[in-house]
C-alpha cells in the first residue's frame, strides 16, 4: 500500500477518485491523506478503530494516522503507545 498526502483541501469524493487513479498507475492500493494531518504522523498509517471520524466510511477508509485511534495499540503510561498482541 502506498500513502500520499493531498497538498490542497479536497472533498471525500475527489480523494477517492485520486486513489483510484493512483491504483491504476501503481497497481496496488493507495491512500491519500488529507492536508490537515500532522506532518510527523503522515509517515505511518494504522488500522483504524473506526472511531476517529464522525462519519466513518468503512468501505473507503480503513486507516488513520492518529495513533489514539489505532485498532491494535493501547496507551501505556501518559504518552506512549504499545501494539497489542491478539
PDB file of N, CA and C in Angstrom:
ATOM      1  N   UNK A   1       0.845  -1.174   0.000  1.00  0.00           N
ATOM      2  CA  UNK A   1       0.000   0.000   0.000  1.00  0.00           C
ATOM      3  C   UNK A   1       0.887   1.233   0.000  1.00  0.00           C
ATOM      4  N   UNK A   2       0.546   2.198  -0.819  1.00  0.00           N
ATOM      5  CA  UNK A   2       1.268   3.465  -0.872  1.00  0.00           C
ATOM      6  C   UNK A   2       0.423   4.547  -0.220  1.00  0.00           C
ATOM      7  N   UNK A   3       1.086   5.463   0.490  1.00  0.00           N
ATOM      8  CA  UNK A   3       0.399   6.551   1.175  1.00  0.00           C
ATOM      9  C   UNK A   3       0.863   7.878   0.586  1.00  0.00           C
ATOM     10  N   UNK A   4      -0.100   8.709   0.214  1.00  0.00           N
ATOM     11  CA  UNK A   4       0.180  10.021  -0.358  1.00  0.00           C
ATOM     12  C   UNK A   4      -0.505  11.084   0.490  1.00  0.00           C
ATOM     13  N   UNK A   5      -0.027  12.308   0.404  1.00  0.00           N
ATOM     14  CA  UNK A   5      -0.635  13.425   1.114  1.00  0.00           C
ATOM     15  C   UNK A   5      -1.178  14.418   0.107  1.00  0.00           C
ATOM     16  N   UNK A   6      -2.412  14.835   0.317  1.00  0.00           N
ATOM     17  CA  UNK A   6      -3.012  15.854  -0.525  1.00  0.00           C
ATOM     18  C   UNK A   6      -2.436  17.207  -0.133  1.00  0.00           C
ATOM     19  N   UNK A   7      -2.052  17.994  -1.104  1.00  0.00           N
ATOM     20  CA  UNK A   7      -1.475  19.309  -0.836  1.00  0.00           C
ATOM     21  C   UNK A   7      -2.541  20.390  -0.709  1.00  0.00           C
ATOM     22  N   UNK A   8      -3.748  20.084  -1.159  1.00  0.00           N
ATOM     23  CA  UNK A   8      -4.842  21.046  -1.089  1.00  0.00           C
ATOM     24  C   UNK A   8      -6.047  20.383  -0.450  1.00  0.00           C
ATOM     25  N   UNK A   9      -6.967  21.193   0.049  1.00  0.00           N
ATOM     26  CA  UNK A   9      -8.184  20.633   0.639  1.00  0.00           C
ATOM     27  C   UNK A   9      -9.095  20.149  -0.474  1.00  0.00           C
ATOM     28  N   UNK A  10      -9.474  18.884  -0.409  1.00  0.00           N
ATOM     29  CA  UNK A  10     -10.346  18.289  -1.415  1.00  0.00           C
ATOM     30  C   UNK A  10     -11.483  17.555  -0.728  1.00  0.00           C
ATOM     31  N   UNK A  11     -12.528  17.279  -1.478  1.00  0.00           N
ATOM     32  CA  UNK A  11     -13.669  16.558  -0.926  1.00  0.00           C
ATOM     33  C   UNK A  11     -13.352  15.073  -0.825  1.00  0.00           C
ATOM     34  N   UNK A  12     -14.157  14.354  -0.074  1.00  0.00           N
ATOM     35  CA  UNK A  12     -14.004  12.907   0.072  1.00  0.00           C
ATOM     36  C   UNK A  12     -14.102  12.233  -1.301  1.00  0.00           C
ATOM     37  N   UNK A  13     -15.009  12.708  -2.123  1.00  0.00           N
ATOM     38  CA  UNK A  13     -15.188  12.137  -3.459  1.00  0.00           C
ATOM     39  C   UNK A  13     -13.943  12.337  -4.318  1.00  0.00           C
ATOM     40  N   UNK A  14     -13.331  13.517  -4.247  1.00  0.00           N
ATOM     41  CA  UNK A  14     -12.111  13.782  -5.013  1.00  0.00           C
ATOM     42  C   UNK A  14     -10.947  12.921  -4.535  1.00  0.00           C
ATOM     43  N   UNK A  15     -10.872  12.702  -3.231  1.00  0.00           N
ATOM     44  CA  UNK A  15      -9.824  11.836  -2.679  1.00  0.00           C
ATOM     45  C   UNK A  15      -9.996  10.419  -3.209  1.00  0.00           C
ATOM     46  N   UNK A  16     -11.221   9.892  -3.194  1.00  0.00           N
ATOM     47  CA  UNK A  16     -11.471   8.530  -3.677  1.00  0.00           C
ATOM     48  C   UNK A  16     -11.138   8.401  -5.172  1.00  0.00           C
ATOM     49  N   UNK A  17     -11.466   9.430  -5.958  1.00  0.00           N
ATOM     50  CA  UNK A  17     -11.131   9.409  -7.379  1.00  0.00           C
ATOM     51  C   UNK A  17      -9.612   9.379  -7.577  1.00  0.00           C
ATOM     52  N   UNK A  18      -8.906  10.184  -6.793  1.00  0.00           N
ATOM     53  CA  UNK A  18      -7.442  10.206  -6.889  1.00  0.00           C
ATOM     54  C   UNK A  18      -6.847   8.859  -6.487  1.00  0.00           C
ATOM     55  N   UNK A  19      -7.404   8.229  -5.447  1.00  0.00           N
ATOM     56  CA  UNK A  19      -6.914   6.914  -5.033  1.00  0.00           C
ATOM     57  C   UNK A  19      -7.120   5.878  -6.133  1.00  0.00           C
ATOM     58  N   UNK A  20      -8.234   5.963  -6.861  1.00  0.00           N
ATOM     59  CA  UNK A  20      -8.472   5.049  -7.978  1.00  0.00           C
ATOM     60  C   UNK A  20      -7.434   5.262  -9.081  1.00  0.00           C
ATOM     61  N   UNK A  21      -7.142   6.524  -9.401  1.00  0.00           N
ATOM     62  CA  UNK A  21      -6.140   6.832 -10.422  1.00  0.00           C
ATOM     63  C   UNK A  21      -4.763   6.306 -10.013  1.00  0.00           C
ATOM     64  N   UNK A  22      -4.422   6.510  -8.734  1.00  0.00           N
ATOM     65  CA  UNK A  22      -3.128   6.040  -8.245  1.00  0.00           C
ATOM     66  C   UNK A  22      -3.055   4.519  -8.269  1.00  0.00           C
ATOM     67  N   UNK A  23      -4.175   3.855  -7.956  1.00  0.00           N
ATOM     68  CA  UNK A  23      -4.217   2.394  -8.006  1.00  0.00           C
ATOM     69  C   UNK A  23      -3.931   1.913  -9.426  1.00  0.00           C
ATOM     70  N   UNK A  24      -4.563   2.566 -10.402  1.00  0.00           N
ATOM     71  CA  UNK A  24      -4.341   2.200 -11.794  1.00  0.00           C
ATOM     72  C   UNK A  24      -2.885   2.435 -12.196  1.00  0.00           C
ATOM     73  N   UNK A  25      -2.287   3.515 -11.697  1.00  0.00           N
ATOM     74  CA  UNK A  25      -0.908   3.846 -12.041  1.00  0.00           C
ATOM     75  C   UNK A  25       0.100   2.879 -11.417  1.00  0.00           C
ATOM     76  N   UNK A  26      -0.076   2.562 -10.113  1.00  0.00           N
ATOM     77  CA  UNK A  26       0.908   1.763  -9.395  1.00  0.00           C
ATOM     78  C   UNK A  26       0.532   0.290  -9.244  1.00  0.00           C
ATOM     79  N   UNK A  27      -0.746  -0.055  -9.499  1.00  0.00           N
ATOM     80  CA  UNK A  27      -1.166  -1.442  -9.399  1.00  0.00           C
ATOM     81  C   UNK A  27      -1.261  -1.977  -7.988  1.00  0.00           C
ATOM     82  N   UNK A  28      -1.403  -1.096  -7.017  1.00  0.00           N
ATOM     83  CA  UNK A  28      -1.569  -1.511  -5.630  1.00  0.00           C
ATOM     84  C   UNK A  28      -2.432  -0.474  -4.910  1.00  0.00           C
ATOM     85  N   UNK A  29      -3.065  -0.854  -3.791  1.00  0.00           N
ATOM     86  CA  UNK A  29      -3.901   0.098  -3.065  1.00  0.00           C
ATOM     87  C   UNK A  29      -3.118   1.337  -2.651  1.00  0.00           C
ATOM     88  N   UNK A  30      -3.745   2.495  -2.778  1.00  0.00           N
ATOM     89  CA  UNK A  30      -3.128   3.761  -2.412  1.00  0.00           C
ATOM     90  C   UNK A  30      -4.087   4.548  -1.525  1.00  0.00           C
ATOM     91  N   UNK A  31      -3.541   5.228  -0.538  1.00  0.00           N
ATOM     92  CA  UNK A  31      -4.327   6.042   0.381  1.00  0.00           C
ATOM     93  C   UNK A  31      -3.858   7.480   0.252  1.00  0.00           C
ATOM     94  N   UNK A  32      -4.810   8.406   0.110  1.00  0.00           N
ATOM     95  CA  UNK A  32      -4.485   9.826   0.059  1.00  0.00           C
ATOM     96  C   UNK A  32      -4.935  10.440   1.380  1.00  0.00           C
ATOM     97  N   UNK A  33      -3.975  10.984   2.128  1.00  0.00           N
ATOM     98  CA  UNK A  33      -4.272  11.589   3.419  1.00  0.00           C
ATOM     99  C   UNK A  33      -4.633  13.055   3.246  1.00  0.00           C
ATOM    100  N   UNK A  34      -5.589  13.551   4.022  1.00  0.00           N
ATOM    101  CA  UNK A  34      -5.946  14.965   3.938  1.00  0.00           C
ATOM    102  C   UNK A  34      -4.804  15.854   4.419  1.00  0.00           C
ATOM    103  N   UNK A  35      -4.771  17.119   3.973  1.00  0.00           N
ATOM    104  CA  UNK A  35      -3.651  18.009   4.298  1.00  0.00           C
ATOM    105  C   UNK A  35      -3.605  18.461   5.748  1.00  0.00           C
ATOM    106  N   UNK A  36      -4.673  18.280   6.508  1.00  0.00           N
ATOM    107  CA  UNK A  36      -4.694  18.780   7.878  1.00  0.00           C
ATOM    108  C   UNK A  36      -4.052  17.838   8.878  1.00  0.00           C
ATOM    109  N   UNK A  37      -3.578  16.678   8.449  1.00  0.00           N
ATOM    110  CA  UNK A  37      -2.917  15.758   9.368  1.00  0.00           C
ATOM    111  C   UNK A  37      -1.557  16.305   9.764  1.00  0.00           C
ATOM    112  N   UNK A  38      -1.125  15.960  10.944  1.00  0.00           N
ATOM    113  CA  UNK A  38       0.171  16.418  11.430  1.00  0.00           C
ATOM    114  C   UNK A  38       1.281  15.862  10.537  1.00  0.00           C
ATOM    115  N   UNK A  39       2.251  16.702  10.150  1.00  0.00           N
ATOM    116  CA  UNK A  39       3.306  16.233   9.243  1.00  0.00           C
ATOM    117  C   UNK A  39       4.071  15.017   9.753  1.00  0.00           C
ATOM    118  N   UNK A  40       4.401  14.964  11.029  1.00  0.00           N
ATOM    119  CA  UNK A  40       5.174  13.829  11.525  1.00  0.00           C
ATOM    120  C   UNK A  40       4.366  12.548  11.532  1.00  0.00           C
ATOM    121  N   UNK A  41       3.055  12.657  11.551  1.00  0.00           N
ATOM    122  CA  UNK A  41       2.208  11.469  11.598  1.00  0.00           C
ATOM    123  C   UNK A  41       1.930  10.905  10.217  1.00  0.00           C
ATOM    124  N   UNK A  42       2.283  11.602   9.160  1.00  0.00           N
ATOM    125  CA  UNK A  42       1.931  11.167   7.824  1.00  0.00           C
ATOM    126  C   UNK A  42       2.776   9.996   7.329  1.00  0.00           C
ATOM    127  N   UNK A  43       3.829   9.657   8.029  1.00  0.00           N
ATOM    128  CA  UNK A  43       4.677   8.557   7.596  1.00  0.00           C
ATOM    129  C   UNK A  43       4.149   7.199   8.022  1.00  0.00           C
ATOM    130  N   UNK A  44       3.187   7.172   8.938  1.00  0.00           N
ATOM    131  CA  UNK A  44       2.666   5.916   9.453  1.00  0.00           C
ATOM    132  C   UNK A  44       1.144   5.954   9.407  1.00  0.00           C
ATOM    133  N   UNK A  45       0.549   4.891   8.880  1.00  0.00           N
ATOM    134  CA  UNK A  45      -0.904   4.755   8.894  1.00  0.00           C
ATOM    135  C   UNK A  45      -1.231   3.482   9.665  1.00  0.00           C
ATOM    136  N   UNK A  46      -2.130   3.598  10.624  1.00  0.00           N
ATOM    137  CA  UNK A  46      -2.529   2.482  11.476  1.00  0.00           C
ATOM    138  C   UNK A  46      -3.910   1.993  11.064  1.00  0.00           C
ATOM    139  N   UNK A  47      -4.186   0.715  11.318  1.00  0.00           N
ATOM    140  CA  UNK A  47      -5.539   0.227  11.099  1.00  0.00           C
ATOM    141  C   UNK A  47      -6.449   0.947  12.092  1.00  0.00           C
ATOM    142  N   UNK A  48      -7.521   1.528  11.593  1.00  0.00           N
ATOM    143  CA  UNK A  48      -8.373   2.405  12.397  1.00  0.00           C
ATOM    144  C   UNK A  48      -9.367   1.622  13.255  1.00  0.00           C
ATOM    145  N   UNK A  49      -9.663   2.180  14.429  1.00  0.00           N
ATOM    146  CA  UNK A  49     -10.674   1.587  15.306  1.00  0.00           C
ATOM    147  C   UNK A  49     -12.084   2.017  14.910  1.00  0.00           C
ATOM    148  N   UNK A  50     -12.212   2.786  13.847  1.00  0.00           N
ATOM    149  CA  UNK A  50     -13.488   3.274  13.306  1.00  0.00           C
ATOM    150  C   UNK A  50     -14.159   4.312  14.196  1.00  0.00           C
ATOM    151  N   UNK A  51     -13.388   4.946  15.067  1.00  0.00           N
ATOM    152  CA  UNK A  51     -13.932   5.981  15.941  1.00  0.00           C
ATOM    153  C   UNK A  51     -13.270   7.333  15.707  1.00  0.00           C
ATOM    154  N   UNK A  52     -12.355   7.427  14.762  1.00  0.00           N
ATOM    155  CA  UNK A  52     -11.595   8.661  14.540  1.00  0.00           C
ATOM    156  C   UNK A  52     -12.414   9.741  13.849  1.00  0.00           C
ATOM    157  N   UNK A  53     -13.313   9.343  12.984  1.00  0.00           N
ATOM    158  CA  UNK A  53     -14.091  10.318  12.210  1.00  0.00           C
ATOM    159  C   UNK A  53     -15.553  10.306  12.636  1.00  0.00           C
ATOM    160  N   UNK A  54     -16.211  11.454  12.609  1.00  0.00           N
ATOM    161  CA  UNK A  54     -17.632  11.483  12.979  1.00  0.00           C
ATOM    162  C   UNK A  54     -18.496  10.680  12.017  1.00  0.00           C
ATOM    163  N   UNK A  55     -18.073  10.591  10.760  1.00  0.00           N
ATOM    164  CA  UNK A  55     -18.829   9.840   9.760  1.00  0.00           C
ATOM    165  C   UNK A  55     -17.880   8.875   9.075  1.00  0.00           C
ATOM    166  N   UNK A  56     -17.612   7.759   9.712  1.00  0.00           N
ATOM    167  CA  UNK A  56     -16.672   6.775   9.193  1.00  0.00           C
ATOM    168  C   UNK A  56     -17.222   6.143   7.910  1.00  0.00           C
ATOM    169  N   UNK A  57     -16.340   5.959   6.927  1.00  0.00           N
ATOM    170  CA  UNK A  57     -16.695   5.321   5.666  1.00  0.00           C
ATOM    171  C   UNK A  57     -15.921   4.008   5.567  1.00  0.00           C
ATOM    172  N   UNK A  58     -16.442   2.930   6.157  1.00  0.00           N
ATOM    173  CA  UNK A  58     -15.687   1.682   6.215  1.00  0.00           C
ATOM    174  C   UNK A  58     -15.343   1.093   4.856  1.00  0.00           C
ATOM    175  N   UNK A  59     -16.120   1.398   3.824  1.00  0.00           N
ATOM    176  CA  UNK A  59     -15.808   0.846   2.514  1.00  0.00           C
ATOM    177  C   UNK A  59     -14.734   1.645   1.782  1.00  0.00           C
ATOM    178  N   UNK A  60     -14.449   2.853   2.216  1.00  0.00           N
ATOM    179  CA  UNK A  60     -13.441   3.662   1.525  1.00  0.00           C
ATOM    180  C   UNK A  60     -12.256   4.020   2.409  1.00  0.00           C
ATOM    181  N   UNK A  61     -12.343   3.817   3.705  1.00  0.00           N
ATOM    182  CA  UNK A  61     -11.256   4.211   4.600  1.00  0.00           C
ATOM    183  C   UNK A  61     -11.105   3.166   5.697  1.00  0.00           C
ATOM    184  N   UNK A  62      -9.897   2.717   5.911  1.00  0.00           N
ATOM    185  CA  UNK A  62      -9.671   1.724   6.962  1.00  0.00           C
ATOM    186  C   UNK A  62      -8.455   2.052   7.814  1.00  0.00           C
ATOM    187  N   UNK A  63      -7.801   3.192   7.538  1.00  0.00           N
ATOM    188  CA  UNK A  63      -6.581   3.547   8.262  1.00  0.00           C
ATOM    189  C   UNK A  63      -6.630   4.975   8.778  1.00  0.00           C
ATOM    190  N   UNK A  64      -5.809   5.245   9.779  1.00  0.00           N
ATOM    191  CA  UNK A  64      -5.693   6.569  10.376  1.00  0.00           C
ATOM    192  C   UNK A  64      -4.230   6.839  10.691  1.00  0.00           C
ATOM    193  N   UNK A  65      -3.858   8.090  10.739  1.00  0.00           N
ATOM    194  CA  UNK A  65      -2.509   8.434  11.185  1.00  0.00           C
ATOM    195  C   UNK A  65      -2.522   8.838  12.655  1.00  0.00           C
ATOM    196  N   UNK A  66      -3.685   8.823  13.262  1.00  0.00           N
ATOM    197  CA  UNK A  66      -3.836   9.179  14.675  1.00  0.00           C
ATOM    198  C   UNK A  66      -3.703   7.918  15.513  1.00  0.00           C
ATOM    199  N   UNK A  67      -2.574   7.761  16.183  1.00  0.00           N
ATOM    200  CA  UNK A  67      -2.330   6.531  16.948  1.00  0.00           C
ATOM    201  C   UNK A  67      -3.357   6.340  18.059  1.00  0.00           C
ATOM    202  N   UNK A  68      -3.984   7.424  18.491  1.00  0.00           N
ATOM    203  CA  UNK A  68      -5.028   7.294  19.520  1.00  0.00           C
ATOM    204  C   UNK A  68      -6.212   6.480  18.996  1.00  0.00           C
ATOM    205  N   UNK A  69      -6.344   6.365  17.684  1.00  0.00           N
ATOM    206  CA  UNK A  69      -7.426   5.580  17.093  1.00  0.00           C
ATOM    207  C   UNK A  69      -6.906   4.346  16.360  1.00  0.00           C
ATOM    208  N   UNK A  70      -5.677   3.960  16.652  1.00  0.00           N
ATOM    209  CA  UNK A  70      -5.119   2.752  16.062  1.00  0.00           C
ATOM    210  C   UNK A  70      -5.763   1.538  16.726  1.00  0.00           C
ATOM    211  N   UNK A  71      -6.271   0.644  15.919  1.00  0.00           N
ATOM    212  CA  UNK A  71      -7.017  -0.511  16.415  1.00  0.00           C
ATOM    213  C   UNK A  71      -6.190  -1.412  17.323  1.00  0.00           C
ATOM    214  N   UNK A  72      -4.921  -1.613  17.015  1.00  0.00           N
ATOM    215  CA  UNK A  72      -4.107  -2.578  17.746  1.00  0.00           C
ATOM    216  C   UNK A  72      -3.109  -1.960  18.720  1.00  0.00           C
ATOM    217  N   UNK A  73      -3.305  -0.681  19.084  1.00  0.00           N
ATOM    218  CA  UNK A  73      -2.381  -0.026  20.002  1.00  0.00           C
ATOM    219  C   UNK A  73      -3.125   0.427  21.254  1.00  0.00           C
ATOM    220  N   UNK A  74      -2.444   0.346  22.384  1.00  0.00           N
ATOM    221  CA  UNK A  74      -3.021   0.782  23.653  1.00  0.00           C
ATOM    222  C   UNK A  74      -2.084   1.801  24.303  1.00  0.00           C
ATOM    223  N   UNK A  75      -2.669   2.693  25.063  1.00  0.00           N
ATOM    224  CA  UNK A  75      -1.897   3.711  25.767  1.00  0.00           C
ATOM    225  C   UNK A  75      -1.171   3.064  26.943  1.00  0.00           C
ATOM    226  N   UNK A  76       0.134   3.321  27.024  1.00  0.00           N
ATOM    227  CA  UNK A  76       0.963   2.809  28.109  1.00  0.00           C
ATOM    228  C   UNK A  76       1.561   4.025  28.792  1.00  0.00           C
ATOM    229  N   UNK A  77       1.226   4.242  30.044  1.00  0.00           N
ATOM    230  CA  UNK A  77       1.694   5.435  30.728  1.00  0.00           C
ATOM    231  C   UNK A  77       0.895   6.639  30.269  1.00  0.00           C
ATOM    232  N   UNK A  78       1.523   7.800  30.290  1.00  0.00           N
ATOM    233  CA  UNK A  78       0.827   9.027  29.919  1.00  0.00           C
ATOM    234  C   UNK A  78       0.928   9.385  28.448  1.00  0.00           C
ATOM    235  N   UNK A  79       1.987   8.944  27.771  1.00  0.00           N
ATOM    236  CA  UNK A  79       2.194   9.424  26.407  1.00  0.00           C
ATOM    237  C   UNK A  79       2.820   8.402  25.461  1.00  0.00           C
ATOM    238  N   UNK A  80       2.768   7.136  25.808  1.00  0.00           N
ATOM    239  CA  UNK A  80       3.356   6.114  24.944  1.00  0.00           C
ATOM    240  C   UNK A  80       2.310   5.087  24.569  1.00  0.00           C
ATOM    241  N   UNK A  81       2.449   4.562  23.366  1.00  0.00           N
ATOM    242  CA  UNK A  81       1.533   3.527  22.879  1.00  0.00           C
ATOM    243  C   UNK A  81       2.305   2.265  22.581  1.00  0.00           C
ATOM    244  N   UNK A  82       1.632   1.130  22.783  1.00  0.00           N
ATOM    245  CA  UNK A  82       2.251  -0.156  22.519  1.00  0.00           C
ATOM    246  C   UNK A  82       1.271  -0.998  21.729  1.00  0.00           C
ATOM    247  N   UNK A  83       1.799  -1.747  20.771  1.00  0.00           N
ATOM    248  CA  UNK A  83       0.956  -2.611  19.976  1.00  0.00           C
ATOM    249  C   UNK A  83       0.510  -3.814  20.810  1.00  0.00           C
ATOM    250  N   UNK A  84      -0.778  -4.110  20.744  1.00  0.00           N
ATOM    251  CA  UNK A  84      -1.329  -5.255  21.470  1.00  0.00           C
ATOM    252  C   UNK A  84      -1.120  -6.518  20.657  1.00  0.00           C
ATOM    253  N   UNK A  85      -0.846  -7.605  21.331  1.00  0.00           N
ATOM    254  CA  UNK A  85      -0.802  -8.911  20.664  1.00  0.00           C
ATOM    255  C   UNK A  85      -2.179  -9.505  20.792  1.00  0.00           C
ATOM    256  N   UNK A  86      -2.688  -9.978  19.685  1.00  0.00           N
ATOM    257  CA  UNK A  86      -4.037 -10.573  19.689  1.00  0.00           C
ATOM    258  C   UNK A  86      -3.973 -12.026  19.359  1.00  0.00           C
TER     259      UNK A  86
END
